[in-house]
């Protein structure tokens, strides 16, 4: 499943559901798709996501997989979504995902 985050203030961000759903939970929302955040609630969602990402940075990195593919951290995966949320805060815009 793909999850696309949308706001009028930023380009759409599309993620695999395996990565998007945990980020939604970090923002304090259920992992239900579709969903939305009202403009006045976006700053709190961004603050929760930022705090959760900072907490993951303090924990040890996951063990390397047996494949040759590099492990991508949650912080790197969350960065585009954090940028989208920050733009929505600046423009006082809502955020949706489907």
N, C-alpha and C. Protein backbone atom coordinates (compact mmCIF):
# COMPACT_ATOMS: atom_id res chain seq x y z
N UNK A 1 0.84 -1.17 0.00
CA UNK A 1 0.00 0.00 0.00
C UNK A 1 0.89 1.24 0.00
N UNK A 2 0.45 2.25 -0.74
CA UNK A 2 1.11 3.54 -0.75
C UNK A 2 0.24 4.55 -0.01
N UNK A 3 0.90 5.46 0.71
CA UNK A 3 0.18 6.53 1.42
C UNK A 3 0.73 7.85 0.88
N UNK A 4 -0.17 8.72 0.45
CA UNK A 4 0.22 10.02 -0.08
C UNK A 4 -0.26 11.11 0.87
N UNK A 5 0.68 11.92 1.34
CA UNK A 5 0.39 13.06 2.21
C UNK A 5 0.27 14.30 1.33
N UNK A 6 -0.76 15.11 1.60
CA UNK A 6 -1.05 16.27 0.76
C UNK A 6 -1.35 17.49 1.63
N UNK A 7 -0.87 18.64 1.18
CA UNK A 7 -1.24 19.93 1.75
C UNK A 7 -1.12 20.95 0.63
N UNK A 8 -1.82 22.05 0.76
CA UNK A 8 -1.74 23.11 -0.25
C UNK A 8 -0.40 23.83 -0.21
N UNK A 9 0.34 23.68 0.87
CA UNK A 9 1.57 24.44 1.09
C UNK A 9 2.84 23.74 0.61
N UNK A 10 2.72 22.49 0.10
CA UNK A 10 3.93 21.71 -0.21
C UNK A 10 3.58 20.65 -1.25
N UNK A 11 4.59 20.12 -1.88
CA UNK A 11 4.39 19.04 -2.85
C UNK A 11 3.95 17.77 -2.11
N UNK A 12 3.19 16.93 -2.80
CA UNK A 12 2.73 15.67 -2.20
C UNK A 12 3.92 14.77 -1.87
N UNK A 13 3.78 14.00 -0.79
CA UNK A 13 4.80 13.04 -0.36
C UNK A 13 4.14 11.67 -0.38
N UNK A 14 4.73 10.72 -1.10
CA UNK A 14 4.21 9.36 -1.16
C UNK A 14 5.20 8.42 -0.51
N UNK A 15 4.70 7.55 0.37
CA UNK A 15 5.52 6.59 1.10
C UNK A 15 4.86 5.22 1.06
N UNK A 16 5.66 4.20 1.23
CA UNK A 16 5.10 2.87 1.44
C UNK A 16 4.38 2.87 2.78
N UNK A 17 3.28 2.16 2.86
CA UNK A 17 2.49 2.09 4.08
C UNK A 17 3.28 1.59 5.27
N UNK A 18 4.22 0.66 5.05
CA UNK A 18 5.04 0.13 6.14
C UNK A 18 5.83 1.22 6.86
N UNK A 19 6.13 2.30 6.15
CA UNK A 19 6.89 3.40 6.75
C UNK A 19 5.98 4.55 7.17
N UNK A 20 4.90 4.77 6.42
CA UNK A 20 4.01 5.90 6.71
C UNK A 20 3.16 5.67 7.95
N UNK A 21 2.66 4.46 8.15
CA UNK A 21 1.76 4.21 9.28
C UNK A 21 2.44 4.42 10.63
N UNK A 22 3.67 3.95 10.84
CA UNK A 22 4.33 4.26 12.11
C UNK A 22 4.56 5.77 12.31
N UNK A 23 4.81 6.50 11.23
CA UNK A 23 4.99 7.95 11.35
C UNK A 23 3.68 8.62 11.76
N UNK A 24 2.56 8.12 11.23
CA UNK A 24 1.26 8.65 11.65
C UNK A 24 1.05 8.43 13.14
N UNK A 25 1.42 7.26 13.63
CA UNK A 25 1.28 6.98 15.06
C UNK A 25 2.19 7.89 15.88
N UNK A 26 3.39 8.16 15.38
CA UNK A 26 4.30 9.07 16.08
C UNK A 26 3.72 10.48 16.16
N UNK A 27 2.90 10.85 15.17
CA UNK A 27 2.27 12.17 15.15
C UNK A 27 1.07 12.23 16.07
N UNK A 28 0.69 11.08 16.66
CA UNK A 28 -0.43 11.05 17.57
C UNK A 28 -1.75 10.73 16.91
N UNK A 29 -1.70 10.15 15.72
CA UNK A 29 -2.91 9.79 14.99
C UNK A 29 -3.00 8.29 14.82
N UNK A 30 -4.20 7.82 14.55
CA UNK A 30 -4.35 6.39 14.28
C UNK A 30 -3.74 6.11 12.91
N UNK A 31 -3.51 4.87 12.66
CA UNK A 31 -2.91 4.48 11.39
C UNK A 31 -3.98 4.22 10.33
N UNK A 32 -5.12 4.90 10.46
CA UNK A 32 -6.18 4.70 9.48
C UNK A 32 -5.94 5.58 8.26
N UNK A 33 -6.22 5.01 7.11
CA UNK A 33 -6.06 5.71 5.85
C UNK A 33 -7.40 5.62 5.13
N UNK A 34 -7.97 6.69 4.67
CA UNK A 34 -7.49 8.07 4.63
C UNK A 34 -7.67 8.78 5.97
N UNK A 35 -7.07 9.97 6.05
CA UNK A 35 -7.17 10.75 7.27
C UNK A 35 -6.78 12.20 7.01
N UNK A 36 -6.91 13.01 8.04
CA UNK A 36 -6.60 14.44 7.90
C UNK A 36 -6.24 15.04 9.25
N UNK A 37 -5.51 16.15 9.18
CA UNK A 37 -5.17 16.95 10.36
C UNK A 37 -5.64 18.37 10.07
N UNK A 38 -6.43 18.92 10.97
CA UNK A 38 -6.86 20.31 10.81
C UNK A 38 -5.65 21.23 10.92
N UNK A 39 -5.73 22.36 10.27
CA UNK A 39 -4.61 23.31 10.25
C UNK A 39 -4.14 23.68 11.65
N UNK A 40 -5.07 23.87 12.58
CA UNK A 40 -4.69 24.26 13.94
C UNK A 40 -4.03 23.13 14.72
N UNK A 41 -4.14 21.88 14.24
CA UNK A 41 -3.54 20.73 14.92
C UNK A 41 -2.20 20.31 14.31
N UNK A 42 -1.85 20.89 13.17
CA UNK A 42 -0.60 20.50 12.50
C UNK A 42 0.63 20.82 13.34
N UNK A 43 0.74 21.97 14.02
CA UNK A 43 1.93 22.23 14.84
C UNK A 43 2.17 21.16 15.90
N UNK A 44 1.10 20.70 16.55
CA UNK A 44 1.25 19.66 17.56
C UNK A 44 1.68 18.34 16.94
N UNK A 45 1.15 18.01 15.77
CA UNK A 45 1.55 16.78 15.08
C UNK A 45 3.03 16.83 14.72
N UNK A 46 3.49 17.98 14.23
CA UNK A 46 4.90 18.14 13.90
C UNK A 46 5.77 18.02 15.14
N UNK A 47 5.34 18.62 16.24
CA UNK A 47 6.11 18.55 17.49
C UNK A 47 6.21 17.11 17.99
N UNK A 48 5.12 16.38 17.92
CA UNK A 48 5.14 14.97 18.36
C UNK A 48 6.05 14.13 17.47
N UNK A 49 5.95 14.34 16.16
CA UNK A 49 6.80 13.57 15.24
C UNK A 49 8.27 13.91 15.48
N UNK A 50 8.59 15.18 15.65
CA UNK A 50 9.97 15.59 15.90
C UNK A 50 10.51 14.97 17.18
N UNK A 51 9.71 14.98 18.23
CA UNK A 51 10.14 14.38 19.51
C UNK A 51 10.35 12.87 19.37
N UNK A 52 9.46 12.21 18.66
CA UNK A 52 9.60 10.76 18.46
C UNK A 52 10.84 10.43 17.64
N UNK A 53 11.11 11.23 16.63
CA UNK A 53 12.31 11.00 15.79
C UNK A 53 13.57 11.23 16.62
N UNK A 54 13.58 12.27 17.43
CA UNK A 54 14.75 12.52 18.29
C UNK A 54 14.97 11.35 19.25
N UNK A 55 13.90 10.76 19.74
CA UNK A 55 14.02 9.61 20.64
C UNK A 55 14.60 8.40 19.91
N UNK A 56 14.24 8.22 18.64
CA UNK A 56 14.78 7.08 17.88
C UNK A 56 16.27 7.27 17.59
N UNK A 57 16.71 8.52 17.48
CA UNK A 57 18.13 8.78 17.22
C UNK A 57 19.00 8.37 18.42
N UNK A 58 18.41 8.36 19.62
CA UNK A 58 19.18 8.02 20.81
C UNK A 58 19.33 6.51 20.99
N UNK A 59 18.46 5.75 20.34
CA UNK A 59 18.55 4.29 20.46
C UNK A 59 19.57 3.76 19.46
N UNK A 60 20.14 2.57 19.73
CA UNK A 60 21.14 2.02 18.82
C UNK A 60 20.53 1.72 17.45
N UNK A 61 21.34 1.84 16.40
CA UNK A 61 20.81 1.56 15.06
C UNK A 61 20.45 0.09 14.91
N UNK A 62 19.48 -0.20 14.03
CA UNK A 62 19.09 -1.61 13.84
C UNK A 62 20.23 -2.41 13.22
N UNK A 63 20.20 -3.69 13.47
CA UNK A 63 21.22 -4.57 12.92
C UNK A 63 21.13 -4.57 11.40
N UNK A 64 22.26 -4.72 10.75
CA UNK A 64 22.29 -4.75 9.30
C UNK A 64 21.59 -6.00 8.78
N UNK A 65 20.91 -5.83 7.68
CA UNK A 65 20.24 -6.96 7.05
C UNK A 65 21.28 -7.80 6.32
N UNK A 66 20.88 -9.01 5.94
CA UNK A 66 21.79 -9.89 5.21
C UNK A 66 22.00 -9.43 3.78
N UNK A 67 21.14 -8.56 3.28
CA UNK A 67 21.27 -8.10 1.90
C UNK A 67 22.31 -6.97 1.81
N UNK A 68 22.60 -6.59 0.59
CA UNK A 68 23.57 -5.52 0.36
C UNK A 68 22.94 -4.13 0.45
N UNK A 69 21.63 -4.08 0.67
CA UNK A 69 20.94 -2.79 0.74
C UNK A 69 21.22 -2.10 2.06
N UNK A 70 21.48 -0.79 2.02
CA UNK A 70 21.72 -0.07 3.27
C UNK A 70 20.43 0.09 4.07
N UNK A 71 20.57 0.20 5.36
CA UNK A 71 19.42 0.43 6.24
C UNK A 71 19.15 1.94 6.27
N UNK A 72 17.92 2.32 6.01
CA UNK A 72 17.52 3.72 6.02
C UNK A 72 16.85 4.01 7.36
N UNK A 73 17.36 4.99 8.08
CA UNK A 73 16.83 5.30 9.41
C UNK A 73 15.44 5.93 9.33
N UNK A 74 14.73 5.83 10.42
CA UNK A 74 13.41 6.45 10.52
C UNK A 74 13.53 7.96 10.36
N UNK A 75 14.59 8.52 10.88
CA UNK A 75 14.79 9.98 10.78
C UNK A 75 14.90 10.41 9.32
N UNK A 76 15.62 9.64 8.51
CA UNK A 76 15.74 9.98 7.10
C UNK A 76 14.42 9.78 6.36
N UNK A 77 13.70 8.73 6.71
CA UNK A 77 12.40 8.48 6.07
C UNK A 77 11.39 9.56 6.44
N UNK A 78 11.47 10.10 7.65
CA UNK A 78 10.50 11.08 8.12
C UNK A 78 10.78 12.49 7.62
N UNK A 79 11.98 12.77 7.17
CA UNK A 79 12.36 14.13 6.79
C UNK A 79 11.42 14.78 5.77
N UNK A 80 11.05 14.11 4.67
CA UNK A 80 10.12 14.77 3.74
C UNK A 80 8.77 15.09 4.38
N UNK A 81 8.27 14.20 5.22
CA UNK A 81 7.00 14.44 5.90
C UNK A 81 7.14 15.60 6.88
N UNK A 82 8.25 15.68 7.57
CA UNK A 82 8.47 16.78 8.51
C UNK A 82 8.53 18.11 7.75
N UNK A 83 9.14 18.12 6.57
CA UNK A 83 9.18 19.33 5.75
C UNK A 83 7.77 19.73 5.29
N UNK A 84 6.96 18.74 4.91
CA UNK A 84 5.58 19.00 4.52
C UNK A 84 4.80 19.60 5.68
N UNK A 85 4.95 19.02 6.86
CA UNK A 85 4.25 19.53 8.04
C UNK A 85 4.70 20.95 8.39
N UNK A 86 6.00 21.20 8.29
CA UNK A 86 6.52 22.54 8.59
C UNK A 86 5.96 23.58 7.61
N UNK A 87 5.86 23.21 6.34
CA UNK A 87 5.28 24.12 5.35
C UNK A 87 3.80 24.36 5.64
N UNK A 88 3.10 23.31 6.06
CA UNK A 88 1.68 23.46 6.40
C UNK A 88 1.50 24.37 7.61
N UNK A 89 2.40 24.27 8.59
CA UNK A 89 2.35 25.14 9.76
C UNK A 89 2.54 26.59 9.32
N UNK A 90 3.53 26.82 8.48
CA UNK A 90 3.85 28.18 8.03
C UNK A 90 2.67 28.81 7.28
N UNK A 91 2.02 28.00 6.44
CA UNK A 91 0.91 28.52 5.63
C UNK A 91 -0.46 28.33 6.29
N UNK A 92 -0.46 27.75 7.51
CA UNK A 92 -1.70 27.47 8.24
C UNK A 92 -2.66 26.66 7.38
N UNK A 93 -2.12 25.56 6.86
CA UNK A 93 -2.86 24.70 5.95
C UNK A 93 -3.11 23.34 6.60
N UNK A 94 -4.16 22.69 6.20
CA UNK A 94 -4.46 21.34 6.69
C UNK A 94 -3.58 20.31 5.96
N UNK A 95 -3.54 19.09 6.47
CA UNK A 95 -2.79 17.99 5.86
C UNK A 95 -3.74 16.79 5.76
N UNK A 96 -3.73 16.15 4.61
CA UNK A 96 -4.51 14.93 4.42
C UNK A 96 -3.60 13.81 3.96
N UNK A 97 -4.08 12.59 4.13
CA UNK A 97 -3.37 11.43 3.57
C UNK A 97 -4.39 10.44 3.06
N UNK A 98 -4.01 9.76 1.99
CA UNK A 98 -4.90 8.76 1.39
C UNK A 98 -4.08 7.61 0.85
